[in-house]
Protein backbone atom coordinates (compact mmCIF):
# COMPACT_ATOMS: atom_id res chain seq x y z
CA MET A 1 -126.75 172.58 -23.22
CA TYR A 2 -123.49 171.37 -21.69
CA THR A 3 -121.44 173.00 -24.40
CA ALA A 4 -123.12 176.34 -23.79
CA SER A 5 -122.63 176.02 -20.02
CA LEU A 6 -118.93 175.23 -20.50
CA LEU A 7 -118.49 178.24 -22.80
CA PHE A 8 -120.09 180.44 -20.18
CA GLY A 9 -117.97 178.96 -17.39
CA ILE A 10 -114.76 179.60 -19.28
CA SER A 11 -115.76 183.13 -20.26
CA ALA A 12 -116.91 184.01 -16.77
CA SER A 13 -113.70 182.68 -15.22
CA LEU A 14 -111.09 184.35 -17.43
CA ASP A 15 -111.01 187.28 -15.00
CA ALA A 16 -109.97 184.82 -12.32
CA LEU A 17 -107.05 183.79 -14.53
CA LEU A 18 -105.97 187.47 -14.73
CA VAL A 19 -106.26 187.86 -10.96
CA GLY A 20 -104.22 184.71 -10.40
CA ILE A 21 -101.49 185.91 -12.76
CA SER A 22 -101.39 189.32 -11.12
CA TYR A 23 -100.87 187.89 -7.64
CA GLY A 24 -98.53 185.20 -8.87
CA ILE A 25 -96.24 187.81 -10.46
CA ARG A 26 -96.17 189.64 -7.15
CA GLY A 27 -95.21 186.46 -5.32
CA ILE A 28 -98.47 186.25 -3.36
CA ARG A 29 -99.89 182.76 -2.94
CA ILE A 30 -103.66 182.41 -3.06
CA ARG A 31 -104.28 179.46 -0.73
CA PHE A 32 -106.81 176.75 -1.45
CA TRP A 33 -109.35 178.00 1.11
CA GLN A 34 -109.06 181.53 -0.26
CA ASN A 35 -109.52 180.20 -3.77
CA MET A 36 -112.67 178.36 -2.62
CA ILE A 37 -114.13 181.46 -0.92
CA ILE A 38 -113.59 183.49 -4.10
CA SER A 39 -115.01 180.78 -6.33
CA VAL A 40 -118.05 180.05 -4.14
CA ILE A 41 -119.00 183.73 -3.84
CA THR A 42 -118.59 184.09 -7.61
CA LEU A 43 -120.74 180.99 -8.01
CA LEU A 44 -123.49 182.42 -5.79
CA GLY A 45 -123.49 185.65 -7.82
CA THR A 46 -123.74 183.69 -11.02
CA CYS A 47 -126.58 181.53 -9.70
CA LEU A 48 -128.40 184.65 -8.55
CA SER A 49 -128.13 186.32 -11.97
CA VAL A 50 -129.08 183.12 -13.80
CA GLY A 51 -132.04 182.53 -11.46
CA LEU A 52 -133.17 186.14 -11.91
CA GLY A 53 -132.98 185.68 -15.66
CA HIS A 54 -135.14 182.57 -15.49
CA ARG A 55 -137.76 184.45 -13.49
CA LEU A 56 -137.79 187.29 -15.96
CA ALA A 57 -138.01 184.81 -18.84
CA ALA A 58 -141.21 183.44 -17.29
CA PHE A 59 -142.97 186.75 -17.93
CA LEU A 60 -141.83 186.92 -21.58
CA PRO A 61 -142.74 184.79 -24.59
CA GLN A 62 -140.17 182.06 -24.97
CA GLY A 63 -138.98 183.19 -28.36
CA VAL A 64 -138.61 186.80 -27.24
CA SER A 65 -136.60 185.99 -24.09
CA SER A 66 -134.31 183.57 -25.92
CA CYS A 67 -133.60 186.02 -28.77
CA ALA A 68 -133.10 188.90 -26.37
CA GLY A 69 -130.67 186.94 -24.19
CA SER A 70 -128.69 185.73 -27.20
CA LEU A 71 -128.53 189.25 -28.61
CA ILE A 72 -127.30 190.72 -25.30
CA LEU A 73 -124.58 188.04 -25.08
CA ILE A 74 -123.39 188.87 -28.61
CA LEU A 75 -123.43 192.57 -27.86
CA LEU A 76 -121.51 192.01 -24.60
CA GLY A 77 -118.91 190.00 -26.50
CA LEU A 78 -118.56 192.70 -29.14
CA TYR A 79 -118.21 195.34 -26.40
CA VAL A 80 -115.43 193.40 -24.71
CA ILE A 81 -113.56 192.95 -27.98
CA ILE A 82 -113.93 196.60 -29.05
CA LYS A 83 -112.86 197.84 -25.62
CA TRP A 84 -109.74 195.66 -25.95
CA MET A 85 -109.03 196.86 -29.48
CA ILE A 86 -109.29 200.64 -28.82
CA PRO A 87 -105.79 200.92 -27.28
CA LEU A 88 -104.38 198.82 -30.09
CA LEU A 89 -105.87 201.20 -32.66
CA LYS A 90 -104.23 204.06 -30.75
CA GLY A 91 -100.85 202.47 -31.27
CA ARG A 92 -100.42 200.59 -27.96
CA SER A 93 -99.72 196.88 -27.85
CA GLN A 94 -102.23 196.30 -25.05
CA LYS A 95 -104.72 198.11 -22.89
CA PRO A 96 -103.29 200.19 -20.07
CA PRO A 97 -102.87 198.03 -16.91
CA ASN A 98 -104.90 198.88 -13.87
CA PRO A 99 -102.94 199.93 -10.78
CA GLN A 100 -103.02 196.44 -9.38
CA THR A 101 -101.56 194.89 -12.50
CA GLN A 102 -99.05 197.75 -12.90
CA THR A 103 -97.80 197.19 -9.40
CA ALA A 104 -97.55 193.47 -10.15
CA LEU A 105 -95.42 194.12 -13.23
CA HIS A 106 -93.03 196.46 -11.41
CA ALA A 107 -92.59 193.87 -8.65
CA SER A 108 -92.19 190.88 -10.94
CA GLU A 109 -88.38 190.87 -11.15
CA ASN A 110 -87.96 190.89 -7.44
CA ASN A 111 -90.81 188.60 -6.47
CA ALA A 112 -91.12 186.03 -9.28
CA GLY A 113 -91.06 182.56 -7.80
CA THR A 114 -91.09 183.76 -4.18
CA PHE A 115 -94.55 183.15 -2.68
CA THR A 116 -95.69 184.68 0.59
CA PRO A 117 -99.06 183.90 2.20
CA ASN A 118 -100.05 187.52 2.76
CA LEU A 119 -103.36 187.74 0.93
CA LYS A 120 -105.65 189.19 3.61
CA LEU A 121 -109.25 188.11 4.18
CA PRO A 122 -110.75 191.51 3.32
CA GLU A 123 -108.88 191.37 0.00
CA VAL A 124 -110.28 187.89 -0.60
CA PHE A 125 -113.81 189.24 -0.28
CA THR A 126 -113.03 192.29 -2.40
CA LEU A 127 -111.74 190.03 -5.20
CA SER A 128 -114.80 187.83 -4.81
CA LEU A 129 -117.22 190.71 -5.16
CA THR A 130 -115.32 192.18 -8.11
CA LEU A 131 -115.39 188.91 -10.03
CA THR A 132 -119.04 188.37 -9.15
CA LEU A 133 -120.12 191.81 -10.41
CA ASN A 134 -118.26 191.13 -13.68
CA ASN A 135 -120.40 188.00 -14.20
CA LEU A 136 -123.85 189.39 -13.34
CA SER A 137 -124.81 190.83 -16.72
CA ALA A 138 -123.48 187.81 -18.62
CA GLY A 139 -125.30 185.41 -16.29
CA LEU A 140 -128.55 187.30 -16.62
CA SER A 141 -128.45 187.42 -20.41
CA ALA A 142 -127.32 183.78 -20.62
CA SER A 143 -130.27 182.63 -18.58
CA LEU A 144 -132.65 184.64 -20.73
CA ALA A 145 -131.16 182.86 -23.68
CA GLY A 146 -132.03 179.54 -22.06
CA LEU A 147 -128.92 178.46 -20.18
CA ALA A 148 -129.65 175.85 -17.52
CA LEU A 149 -128.73 176.69 -13.91
CA PHE A 150 -127.12 173.46 -12.64
CA PRO A 151 -124.57 172.77 -15.46
CA THR A 152 -123.79 176.50 -15.62
CA ALA A 153 -123.07 176.54 -11.83
CA VAL A 154 -120.83 173.46 -12.10
CA ALA A 155 -118.89 174.85 -15.07
CA THR A 156 -118.49 178.24 -13.34
CA ILE A 157 -117.02 176.96 -10.11
CA VAL A 158 -114.78 174.34 -11.73
CA CYS A 159 -113.33 176.90 -14.22
CA SER A 160 -112.98 179.53 -11.51
CA VAL A 161 -111.02 177.29 -9.18
CA LEU A 162 -108.80 175.94 -11.93
CA PHE A 163 -108.11 179.31 -13.59
CA LEU A 164 -107.37 181.10 -10.31
CA TYR A 165 -105.05 178.28 -9.16
CA SER A 166 -103.25 178.04 -12.51
CA GLY A 167 -102.76 181.79 -12.82
CA ASN A 168 -101.44 182.11 -9.31
CA ARG A 169 -99.02 179.19 -9.48
CA LEU A 170 -97.69 180.02 -12.93
CA GLY A 171 -97.77 183.84 -12.78
CA ASP A 172 -94.10 184.09 -13.74
CA ASN A 173 -94.55 181.88 -16.82
CA PRO A 174 -94.25 183.91 -20.06
CA MET A 175 -96.76 181.71 -21.91
CA LEU A 176 -99.37 182.21 -19.22
CA ARG A 177 -98.81 185.95 -19.24
CA LEU A 178 -99.49 185.84 -22.97
CA ALA A 179 -102.72 183.93 -22.22
CA GLY A 180 -103.61 186.62 -19.67
CA ASN A 181 -103.12 189.36 -22.37
CA ALA A 182 -105.47 187.44 -24.65
CA ALA A 183 -108.11 186.95 -21.94
CA ASP A 184 -110.29 189.91 -22.94
CA PRO A 185 -110.66 189.09 -26.64
CA LEU A 186 -111.08 185.41 -25.87
CA SER A 187 -113.80 186.23 -23.35
CA GLY A 188 -115.55 188.34 -25.97
CA ILE A 189 -115.31 185.59 -28.57
CA LEU A 190 -116.72 183.07 -26.11
CA LEU A 191 -119.63 185.33 -25.25
CA ILE A 192 -120.43 185.78 -28.96
CA GLY A 193 -120.14 182.05 -29.48
CA LEU A 194 -122.38 181.37 -26.52
CA GLY A 195 -124.98 183.83 -27.84
CA LEU A 196 -124.89 182.14 -31.30
CA VAL A 197 -125.13 178.64 -29.77
CA GLN A 198 -128.13 179.59 -27.68
CA PHE A 199 -129.81 181.41 -30.58
CA PHE A 200 -129.66 178.38 -32.88
CA LEU A 201 -130.49 175.71 -30.28
C-alpha cells in the first residue's frame, strides 16, 4: 500500500519539478509560502479525485473496479510515454517546449543564479490549478485500483513540496535539467508500475 502511494506521489509531482526548473532558470524564486499554497491546492485536488474514485468503486464489484483502475493507470502511463516519444521519432531530441519553458530557456544565460521574488499571487493559483488538473485522472484511476487516501495524500504533498523546491533552487544545474527532460517518460513508467502493483496486490 505504501509503495503504491509513494509511486503515485512521485509520478503526480514530477510536473512540479518541471515548474520549479522553469522558474529557477528564469531566476524567479518560489517562496516557501507560495510552494505550500501550490502543494496544498494540488493535494486537495488529489484527495478529491481519490475520494470520488472510492465512491465510484462502491457501486462496482471490487474486482471490476480494481482491474479497471489498474488498466486506466497503465494506459495513462503508455499515453505519456508515447506522447513523449513522438517528437523523438520525428527526429527531434525532445518535445517542443511550451511558451513558458521556451521563455525560460532564452532567459537562462542572463538570469541563472539571480533570484527575484516576483512570482505573483495570481500566477501561484494558476500553477496550482494546472498541476491539480494534471493529477485528477491519475488520482481517480488510482483510487479505483484500490489506493488508500491518507498515505496517498501524505506522499503527494511531501513529493510536491520537495520537487518544487528542488527544481526552483537548482534550476541552473545541468543534471537537474536532464532530470526535467526525463520527467515525462519517468512519470509514464511510474504510472504503469503503479497500475501493475495495484493489479497484483
